[in-house]
C-alpha atoms as a PDB file:
ATOM      1  CA  MET A   1     -61.896 -71.832 150.660  1.00  0.00           C
ATOM      2  CA  ASN A   2     -59.116 -69.592 149.407  1.00  0.00           C
ATOM      3  CA  PHE A   3     -56.613 -72.227 150.474  1.00  0.00           C
ATOM      4  CA  ASN A   4     -58.408 -74.859 148.394  1.00  0.00           C
ATOM      5  CA  ARG A   5     -58.467 -72.570 145.379  1.00  0.00           C
ATOM      6  CA  LEU A   6     -54.753 -71.876 145.720  1.00  0.00           C
ATOM      7  CA  THR A   7     -54.076 -75.606 146.020  1.00  0.00           C
ATOM      8  CA  ILE A   8     -56.084 -76.358 142.875  1.00  0.00           C
ATOM      9  CA  LEU A   9     -54.367 -73.566 140.957  1.00  0.00           C
ATOM     10  CA  TRP A  10     -50.953 -74.820 142.063  1.00  0.00           C
ATOM     11  CA  MET A  11     -51.800 -78.367 140.952  1.00  0.00           C
ATOM     12  CA  ILE A  12     -52.961 -77.119 137.540  1.00  0.00           C
ATOM     13  CA  PHE A  13     -49.793 -75.043 137.133  1.00  0.00           C
ATOM     14  CA  ALA A  14     -47.556 -77.950 138.136  1.00  0.00           C
ATOM     15  CA  SER A  15     -49.337 -80.271 135.721  1.00  0.00           C
ATOM     16  CA  CYS A  16     -48.949 -77.809 132.850  1.00  0.00           C
ATOM     17  CA  ALA A  17     -45.306 -77.234 133.710  1.00  0.00           C
ATOM     18  CA  GLN A  18     -44.627 -80.972 133.653  1.00  0.00           C
ATOM     19  CA  ALA A  19     -46.437 -81.386 130.341  1.00  0.00           C
ATOM     20  CA  ASN A  20     -44.447 -78.506 128.903  1.00  0.00           C
ATOM     21  CA  THR A  21     -41.180 -80.120 130.074  1.00  0.00           C
ATOM     22  CA  ASP A  22     -41.951 -83.326 128.187  1.00  0.00           C
ATOM     23  CA  THR A  23     -42.715 -81.513 124.931  1.00  0.00           C
ATOM     24  CA  SER A  24     -40.356 -78.561 125.264  1.00  0.00           C
ATOM     25  CA  THR A  25     -38.404 -77.011 122.430  1.00  0.00           C
ATOM     26  CA  PRO A  26     -35.224 -78.985 121.749  1.00  0.00           C
ATOM     27  CA  VAL A  27     -31.820 -77.399 122.288  1.00  0.00           C
ATOM     28  CA  TRP A  28     -29.503 -78.356 119.437  1.00  0.00           C
ATOM     29  CA  TYR A  29     -25.930 -79.586 119.928  1.00  0.00           C
ATOM     30  CA  GLU A  30     -23.209 -81.072 117.765  1.00  0.00           C
ATOM     31  CA  ILE A  31     -22.134 -84.541 118.911  1.00  0.00           C
ATOM     32  CA  GLU A  32     -18.929 -86.326 117.969  1.00  0.00           C
ATOM     33  CA  PHE A  33     -18.805 -90.055 118.725  1.00  0.00           C
ATOM     34  CA  TYR A  34     -15.799 -92.376 118.511  1.00  0.00           C
ATOM     35  CA  MET A  35     -15.973 -96.098 119.359  1.00  0.00           C
ATOM     36  CA  PHE A  36     -13.163 -98.644 119.419  1.00  0.00           C
ATOM     37  CA  LYS A  37     -12.720-102.189 120.671  1.00  0.00           C
ATOM     38  CA  ARG A  38      -9.693-103.855 122.178  1.00  0.00           C
ATOM     39  CA  ASP A  39      -8.545-107.458 122.352  1.00  0.00           C
ATOM     40  CA  ALA A  40      -8.522-108.017 126.093  1.00  0.00           C
ATOM     41  CA  ALA A  41      -8.572-111.184 128.169  1.00  0.00           C
ATOM     42  CA  SER A  42     -11.113-111.421 130.959  1.00  0.00           C
ATOM     43  CA  ASP A  43     -12.130-114.244 133.303  1.00  0.00           C
ATOM     44  CA  GLU A  44     -15.393-112.524 134.157  1.00  0.00           C
ATOM     45  CA  LYS A  45     -18.588-114.562 133.777  1.00  0.00           C
ATOM     46  CA  TRP A  46     -21.243-112.781 131.773  1.00  0.00           C
ATOM     47  CA  PRO A  47     -25.023-113.146 132.149  1.00  0.00           C
ATOM     48  CA  ASP A  48     -26.993-115.275 129.699  1.00  0.00           C
ATOM     49  CA  PRO A  49     -27.990-113.405 126.524  1.00  0.00           C
ATOM     50  CA  THR A  50     -31.240-111.485 126.509  1.00  0.00           C
ATOM     51  CA  ILE A  51     -33.114-109.830 123.676  1.00  0.00           C
ATOM     52  CA  ILE A  52     -32.613-106.066 123.833  1.00  0.00           C
ATOM     53  CA  PRO A  53     -36.037-104.412 123.566  1.00  0.00           C
ATOM     54  CA  LEU A  54     -36.355-102.259 120.470  1.00  0.00           C
ATOM     55  CA  GLN A  55     -37.106 -98.605 121.120  1.00  0.00           C
ATOM     56  CA  LYS A  56     -39.648 -97.476 118.554  1.00  0.00           C
ATOM     57  CA  ASN A  57     -38.663 -93.808 118.702  1.00  0.00           C
ATOM     58  CA  ALA A  58     -34.947 -94.515 118.129  1.00  0.00           C
ATOM     59  CA  PHE A  59     -33.170 -92.918 115.169  1.00  0.00           C
ATOM     60  CA  ASN A  60     -30.609 -94.823 113.081  1.00  0.00           C
ATOM     61  CA  LEU A  61     -27.939 -92.505 111.682  1.00  0.00           C
ATOM     62  CA  MET A  62     -26.444 -95.435 109.774  1.00  0.00           C
ATOM     63  CA  ASN A  63     -29.557 -95.582 107.595  1.00  0.00           C
ATOM     64  CA  SER A  64     -29.094 -91.995 106.483  1.00  0.00           C
ATOM     65  CA  PRO A  65     -29.399 -91.843 102.668  1.00  0.00           C
ATOM     66  CA  ASP A  66     -26.685 -89.185 102.625  1.00  0.00           C
ATOM     67  CA  GLY A  67     -24.210 -91.221 104.659  1.00  0.00           C
ATOM     68  CA  LYS A  68     -21.082 -93.017 103.543  1.00  0.00           C
ATOM     69  CA  ILE A  69     -18.073 -94.690 105.147  1.00  0.00           C
ATOM     70  CA  LEU A  70     -14.616 -93.166 104.827  1.00  0.00           C
ATOM     71  CA  ARG A  71     -11.457 -95.072 105.763  1.00  0.00           C
ATOM     72  CA  GLN A  72     -13.516 -98.023 107.015  1.00  0.00           C
ATOM     73  CA  HIS A  73     -14.653 -96.595 110.358  1.00  0.00           C
ATOM     74  CA  GLN A  74     -15.660 -92.991 109.674  1.00  0.00           C
ATOM     75  CA  TRP A  75     -19.299 -92.463 108.762  1.00  0.00           C
ATOM     76  CA  VAL A  76     -20.150 -89.008 107.447  1.00  0.00           C
ATOM     77  CA  ALA A  77     -22.579 -87.230 105.135  1.00  0.00           C
ATOM     78  CA  LYS A  78     -21.618 -87.193 101.466  1.00  0.00           C
ATOM     79  CA  THR A  79     -22.462 -83.530 101.034  1.00  0.00           C
ATOM     80  CA  VAL A  80     -23.684 -80.637 103.095  1.00  0.00           C
ATOM     81  CA  THR A  81     -27.460 -80.713 102.750  1.00  0.00           C
ATOM     82  CA  VAL A  82     -30.173 -78.281 103.790  1.00  0.00           C
ATOM     83  CA  PRO A  83     -29.741 -77.254 107.471  1.00  0.00           C
ATOM     84  CA  PRO A  84     -32.241 -78.915 109.815  1.00  0.00           C
ATOM     85  CA  LYS A  85     -35.326 -77.316 111.285  1.00  0.00           C
ATOM     86  CA  ARG A  86     -35.780 -77.068 115.053  1.00  0.00           C
ATOM     87  CA  PHE A  87     -37.907 -80.212 115.371  1.00  0.00           C
ATOM     88  CA  ASP A  88     -36.102 -82.317 112.753  1.00  0.00           C
ATOM     89  CA  PRO A  89     -34.491 -85.689 113.616  1.00  0.00           C
ATOM     90  CA  PRO A  90     -30.695 -86.006 114.142  1.00  0.00           C
ATOM     91  CA  TYR A  91     -28.672 -84.667 111.232  1.00  0.00           C
ATOM     92  CA  LEU A  92     -25.465 -86.329 109.975  1.00  0.00           C
ATOM     93  CA  LEU A  93     -22.555 -83.961 109.208  1.00  0.00           C
ATOM     94  CA  SER A  94     -19.704 -84.084 106.719  1.00  0.00           C
ATOM     95  CA  GLU A  95     -16.094 -85.082 107.321  1.00  0.00           C
ATOM     96  CA  LYS A  96     -15.106 -81.437 107.833  1.00  0.00           C
ATOM     97  CA  SER A  97     -16.902 -81.452 111.198  1.00  0.00           C
ATOM     98  CA  LEU A  98     -14.789 -84.301 112.637  1.00  0.00           C
ATOM     99  CA  THR A  99     -12.379 -82.822 115.180  1.00  0.00           C
ATOM    100  CA  MET A 100     -11.139 -85.822 117.169  1.00  0.00           C
ATOM    101  CA  THR A 101      -8.269 -87.517 115.357  1.00  0.00           C
ATOM    102  CA  THR A 102      -5.366 -89.763 116.341  1.00  0.00           C
ATOM    103  CA  ARG A 103      -3.373 -86.579 116.899  1.00  0.00           C
ATOM    104  CA  ASN A 104      -5.430 -86.020 120.048  1.00  0.00           C
ATOM    105  CA  ALA A 105      -3.744 -87.375 123.159  1.00  0.00           C
ATOM    106  CA  ILE A 106      -6.816 -89.281 124.300  1.00  0.00           C
ATOM    107  CA  LEU A 107      -6.981 -91.141 120.985  1.00  0.00           C
ATOM    108  CA  SER A 108      -3.272 -91.700 120.609  1.00  0.00           C
ATOM    109  CA  LYS A 109      -3.335 -93.810 123.778  1.00  0.00           C
ATOM    110  CA  ASN A 110      -5.664 -96.208 121.999  1.00  0.00           C
ATOM    111  CA  ILE A 111      -4.041 -96.094 118.564  1.00  0.00           C
ATOM    112  CA  ARG A 112      -3.440 -99.862 118.606  1.00  0.00           C
ATOM    113  CA  SER A 113      -7.067-100.597 119.293  1.00  0.00           C
ATOM    114  CA  ASN A 114      -9.487-101.590 116.562  1.00  0.00           C
ATOM    115  CA  HIS A 115     -11.497 -98.645 115.293  1.00  0.00           C
ATOM    116  CA  VAL A 116     -15.230 -99.336 115.066  1.00  0.00           C
ATOM    117  CA  LEU A 117     -16.981 -96.069 114.291  1.00  0.00           C
ATOM    118  CA  HIS A 118     -16.324 -92.338 114.111  1.00  0.00           C
ATOM    119  CA  LEU A 119     -19.103 -89.933 113.207  1.00  0.00           C
ATOM    120  CA  VAL A 120     -20.480 -86.502 114.007  1.00  0.00           C
ATOM    121  CA  TRP A 121     -24.037 -85.223 113.904  1.00  0.00           C
ATOM    122  CA  GLN A 122     -26.332 -82.467 115.152  1.00  0.00           C
ATOM    123  CA  GLN A 123     -29.335 -83.285 117.296  1.00  0.00           C
ATOM    124  CA  GLY A 124     -32.040 -81.520 119.228  1.00  0.00           C
ATOM    125  CA  ILE A 125     -31.764 -82.493 122.915  1.00  0.00           C
ATOM    126  CA  LEU A 126     -34.913 -82.798 125.025  1.00  0.00           C
ATOM    127  CA  PRO A 127     -35.785 -83.809 128.609  1.00  0.00           C
ATOM    128  CA  GLU A 128     -35.427 -87.515 129.400  1.00  0.00           C
ATOM    129  CA  ALA A 129     -39.107 -88.392 128.917  1.00  0.00           C
ATOM    130  CA  ALA A 130     -39.044 -87.050 125.348  1.00  0.00           C
ATOM    131  CA  ALA A 131     -35.420 -87.826 124.428  1.00  0.00           C
ATOM    132  CA  VAL A 132     -34.692 -89.509 121.073  1.00  0.00           C
ATOM    133  CA  PRO A 133     -32.257 -92.460 121.375  1.00  0.00           C
ATOM    134  CA  VAL A 134     -29.751 -93.080 118.579  1.00  0.00           C
ATOM    135  CA  VAL A 135     -29.469 -96.785 117.730  1.00  0.00           C
ATOM    136  CA  PHE A 136     -26.247 -98.480 116.593  1.00  0.00           C
ATOM    137  CA  ALA A 137     -25.980-101.930 114.962  1.00  0.00           C
ATOM    138  CA  LEU A 138     -22.331-102.598 114.155  1.00  0.00           C
ATOM    139  CA  GLY A 139     -19.819-105.288 113.346  1.00  0.00           C
ATOM    140  CA  GLU A 140     -20.260-108.916 112.327  1.00  0.00           C
ATOM    141  CA  ASP A 141     -23.678-110.527 111.976  1.00  0.00           C
ATOM    142  CA  PHE A 142     -23.591-113.833 113.882  1.00  0.00           C
ATOM    143  CA  SER A 143     -27.086-115.003 112.896  1.00  0.00           C
ATOM    144  CA  SER A 144     -25.718-117.631 110.464  1.00  0.00           C
ATOM    145  CA  LYS A 145     -23.772-119.380 113.251  1.00  0.00           C
ATOM    146  CA  TYR A 146     -25.582-118.709 116.523  1.00  0.00           C
ATOM    147  CA  GLN A 147     -29.076-118.607 117.959  1.00  0.00           C
ATOM    148  CA  GLN A 148     -30.412-115.641 119.910  1.00  0.00           C
ATOM    149  CA  ASP A 149     -29.701-117.548 123.149  1.00  0.00           C
ATOM    150  CA  GLY A 150     -25.978-117.724 122.298  1.00  0.00           C
ATOM    151  CA  PHE A 151     -25.730-121.425 121.454  1.00  0.00           C
ATOM    152  CA  GLN A 152     -24.518-122.643 118.071  1.00  0.00           C
ATOM    153  CA  ILE A 153     -27.125-123.452 115.446  1.00  0.00           C
ATOM    154  CA  GLN A 154     -27.725-127.206 115.386  1.00  0.00           C
ATOM    155  CA  ASN A 155     -31.019-127.069 113.516  1.00  0.00           C
ATOM    156  CA  GLU A 156     -31.777-124.638 110.690  1.00  0.00           C
ATOM    157  CA  THR A 157     -35.309-124.177 112.039  1.00  0.00           C
ATOM    158  CA  LEU A 158     -33.771-122.468 115.078  1.00  0.00           C
ATOM    159  CA  LYS A 159     -31.893-119.924 112.942  1.00  0.00           C
ATOM    160  CA  SER A 160     -32.679-116.334 113.913  1.00  0.00           C
ATOM    161  CA  SER A 161     -34.750-114.350 111.444  1.00  0.00           C
ATOM    162  CA  GLU A 162     -33.181-111.159 112.777  1.00  0.00           C
ATOM    163  CA  PRO A 163     -29.509-110.144 112.574  1.00  0.00           C
ATOM    164  CA  ILE A 164     -27.372-110.748 115.657  1.00  0.00           C
ATOM    165  CA  HIS A 165     -24.968-107.818 115.555  1.00  0.00           C
ATOM    166  CA  GLU A 166     -21.579-107.859 117.234  1.00  0.00           C
ATOM    167  CA  ILE A 167     -22.381-104.474 118.809  1.00  0.00           C
ATOM    168  CA  PHE A 168     -25.932-103.294 119.321  1.00  0.00           C
ATOM    169  CA  GLY A 169     -27.477-100.674 121.542  1.00  0.00           C
ATOM    170  CA  TYR A 170     -28.632 -97.157 122.178  1.00  0.00           C
ATOM    171  CA  LEU A 171     -27.106 -93.787 122.974  1.00  0.00           C
ATOM    172  CA  THR A 172     -29.508 -91.367 124.645  1.00  0.00           C
ATOM    173  CA  ILE A 173     -28.594 -87.762 125.422  1.00  0.00           C
ATOM    174  CA  TYR A 174     -31.043 -85.658 127.393  1.00  0.00           C
ATOM    175  CA  LEU A 175     -31.334 -82.421 129.359  1.00  0.00           C
ATOM    176  CA  ASP A 176     -32.306 -82.185 133.015  1.00  0.00           C
ATOM    177  CA  HIS A 177     -30.756 -78.827 133.945  1.00  0.00           C
ATOM    178  CA  TYR A 178     -27.511 -80.558 132.918  1.00  0.00           C
ATOM    179  CA  LEU A 179     -26.608 -82.766 129.971  1.00  0.00           C
ATOM    180  CA  PHE A 180     -26.759 -86.523 130.544  1.00  0.00           C
ATOM    181  CA  ILE A 181     -25.348 -89.365 128.438  1.00  0.00           C
ATOM    182  CA  ASN A 182     -26.926 -92.801 128.780  1.00  0.00           C
ATOM    183  CA  LEU A 183     -25.142 -95.721 127.056  1.00  0.00           C
ATOM    184  CA  ASP A 184     -26.951 -99.058 126.754  1.00  0.00           C
ATOM    185  CA  PHE A 185     -24.905-101.369 124.514  1.00  0.00           C
ATOM    186  CA  MET A 186     -24.321-105.095 124.197  1.00  0.00           C
ATOM    187  CA  LEU A 187     -21.137-106.616 122.754  1.00  0.00           C
ATOM    188  CA  ARG A 188     -21.364-110.181 121.452  1.00  0.00           C
ATOM    189  CA  LYS A 189     -18.115-112.084 121.679  1.00  0.00           C
ATOM    190  CA  GLU A 190     -17.362-115.692 120.757  1.00  0.00           C
ATOM    191  CA  GLY A 191     -16.139-117.838 123.619  1.00  0.00           C
ATOM    192  CA  THR A 192     -17.163-120.873 125.639  1.00  0.00           C
ATOM    193  CA  LYS A 193     -19.803-121.712 128.213  1.00  0.00           C
ATOM    194  CA  THR A 194     -19.711-124.454 130.846  1.00  0.00           C
ATOM    195  CA  ILE A 195     -22.886-126.522 130.872  1.00  0.00           C
ATOM    196  CA  ARG A 196     -24.152-129.709 132.490  1.00  0.00           C
ATOM    197  CA  PRO A 197     -25.193-132.249 129.818  1.00  0.00           C
ATOM    198  CA  LEU A 198     -28.603-133.847 130.191  1.00  0.00           C
ATOM    199  CA  LYS A 199     -29.187-137.579 130.517  1.00  0.00           C
ATOM    200  CA  THR A 200     -31.830-138.675 128.065  1.00  0.00           C
ATOM    201  CA  LEU A 201     -32.536-142.042 129.651  1.00  0.00           C
ATOM    202  CA  THR A 202     -33.270-140.973 133.215  1.00  0.00           C
ATOM    203  CA  GLY A 203     -35.856-138.249 132.964  1.00  0.00           C
ATOM    204  CA  LEU A 204     -33.496-135.548 131.701  1.00  0.00           C
ATOM    205  CA  GLN A 205     -31.693-135.288 135.040  1.00  0.00           C
ATOM    206  CA  PRO A 206     -28.414-133.301 134.975  1.00  0.00           C
ATOM    207  CA  GLN A 207     -25.183-135.240 135.230  1.00  0.00           C
ATOM    208  CA  ASN A 208     -22.474-134.412 137.725  1.00  0.00           C
ATOM    209  CA  SER A 209     -19.951-133.791 134.956  1.00  0.00           C
ATOM    210  CA  THR A 210     -19.707-130.550 132.981  1.00  0.00           C
ATOM    211  CA  THR A 211     -18.552-129.701 129.494  1.00  0.00           C
ATOM    212  CA  ASP A 212     -17.462-126.527 127.676  1.00  0.00           C
ATOM    213  CA  VAL A 213     -19.300-125.616 124.474  1.00  0.00           C
ATOM    214  CA  THR A 214     -18.746-122.852 121.941  1.00  0.00           C
ATOM    215  CA  PHE A 215     -20.942-119.928 122.928  1.00  0.00           C
ATOM    216  CA  LEU A 216     -21.688-116.358 121.839  1.00  0.00           C
ATOM    217  CA  ASN A 217     -21.382-114.312 125.005  1.00  0.00           C
ATOM    218  CA  GLN A 218     -23.372-111.121 125.431  1.00  0.00           C
ATOM    219  CA  ILE A 219     -21.374-108.514 127.354  1.00  0.00           C
ATOM    220  CA  PRO A 220     -23.182-105.409 128.648  1.00  0.00           C
ATOM    221  CA  PHE A 221     -21.767-101.892 128.337  1.00  0.00           C
ATOM    222  CA  GLN A 222     -24.128 -99.680 130.324  1.00  0.00           C
ATOM    223  CA  GLN A 223     -23.126 -96.316 131.721  1.00  0.00           C
ATOM    224  CA  LYS A 224     -24.899 -93.105 132.627  1.00  0.00           C
ATOM    225  CA  ARG A 225     -23.091 -89.839 133.272  1.00  0.00           C
ATOM    226  CA  ARG A 226     -23.810 -86.175 133.799  1.00  0.00           C
ATOM    227  CA  VAL A 227     -21.532 -84.180 131.502  1.00  0.00           C
ATOM    228  CA  ARG A 228     -20.543 -80.680 130.499  1.00  0.00           C
ATOM    229  CA  SER A 229     -20.631 -79.499 126.922  1.00  0.00           C
ATOM    230  CA  LYS A 230     -17.315 -78.941 125.098  1.00  0.00           C
ATOM    231  CA  GLU A 231     -15.492 -81.386 127.403  1.00  0.00           C
ATOM    232  CA  ILE A 232     -14.220 -84.696 125.988  1.00  0.00           C
ATOM    233  CA  HIS A 233     -15.686 -87.669 127.855  1.00  0.00           C
ATOM    234  CA  TYR A 234     -14.251 -91.186 127.890  1.00  0.00           C
ATOM    235  CA  PHE A 235     -16.326 -94.272 128.705  1.00  0.00           C
ATOM    236  CA  ASP A 236     -14.227 -97.327 129.527  1.00  0.00           C
ATOM    237  CA  HIS A 237     -14.980-101.052 129.327  1.00  0.00           C
ATOM    238  CA  PRO A 238     -12.877-104.258 129.222  1.00  0.00           C
ATOM    239  CA  TYR A 239     -13.548-104.698 125.500  1.00  0.00           C
ATOM    240  CA  LEU A 240     -14.917-101.378 124.248  1.00  0.00           C
ATOM    241  CA  GLY A 241     -14.175 -97.693 124.583  1.00  0.00           C
ATOM    242  CA  ILE A 242     -16.271 -94.669 123.640  1.00  0.00           C
ATOM    243  CA  ILE A 243     -15.041 -91.076 123.392  1.00  0.00           C
ATOM    244  CA  MET A 244     -17.590 -88.307 123.008  1.00  0.00           C
ATOM    245  CA  GLN A 245     -17.819 -84.560 122.837  1.00  0.00           C
ATOM    246  CA  ILE A 246     -21.039 -82.498 122.886  1.00  0.00           C
ATOM    247  CA  ARG A 247     -20.634 -79.022 121.455  1.00  0.00           C
ATOM    248  CA  PRO A 248     -23.271 -76.240 121.713  1.00  0.00           C
ATOM    249  CA  LEU A 249     -24.293 -74.558 118.482  1.00  0.00           C
ATOM    250  CA  GLU A 250     -23.690 -70.859 118.007  1.00  0.00           C
ATOM    251  CA  GLU A 251     -27.112 -70.564 116.358  1.00  0.00           C
ATOM    252  CA  GLN A 252     -30.156 -72.743 116.935  1.00  0.00           C
ATOM    253  CA  PRO A 253     -32.063 -74.070 113.889  1.00  0.00           C
ATOM    254  CA  ALA A 254     -35.009 -72.093 112.684  1.00  0.00           C
ATOM    255  CA  ALA A 255     -38.518 -73.150 113.680  1.00  0.00           C
END
């Protein structure tokens, strides 16, 4: 009887502990993010394009009313606004908070690459189940030339009603005793695709011959890494590179 009571009490405690983990108080950090792309040749075959599912709880820093672009690729707050509260969404910072520049050795190695985005923000970090992803939609919009499936638009009725961004995806940072960075991006790059044309007079049977058509490839950039705060972390890819630093705050926001 006592054993059963202890078991029930343990189960209740474990359930409460798990619930508390999912809704725990966020720990705030400052995050600096630098993305670049490089013109690289690759013979790798990429999977057919898929629609990236939208995450409803994602936060778009690029939609910040206080944001502006400096020197084409730096996105920072116009002015220093009211400091965030503990449970506020991510908070864009001003240019003064940018620390990674081309004077840094890790950036100077990629100085000839094409800068895409450089920004810094503060964010409350939570366990994975409650983490808030940051969404990025960058670069050229291909929706006037290509369909969502990557083929060129042949019929205006097939034109996508949604933008088809060159770079789209999510950055999720969460705490599980350690800090974790989860990158889930897609790069769209114009190229060719080998297809088998269809015969229209014989029941749409594929021919033996093949042909190359203009195609918008969708190239995944997906990485997950356990990291330490204050260290600079580099995420490599044939066409993209991301450099990040997560810095702990000296003082946590007020409740």
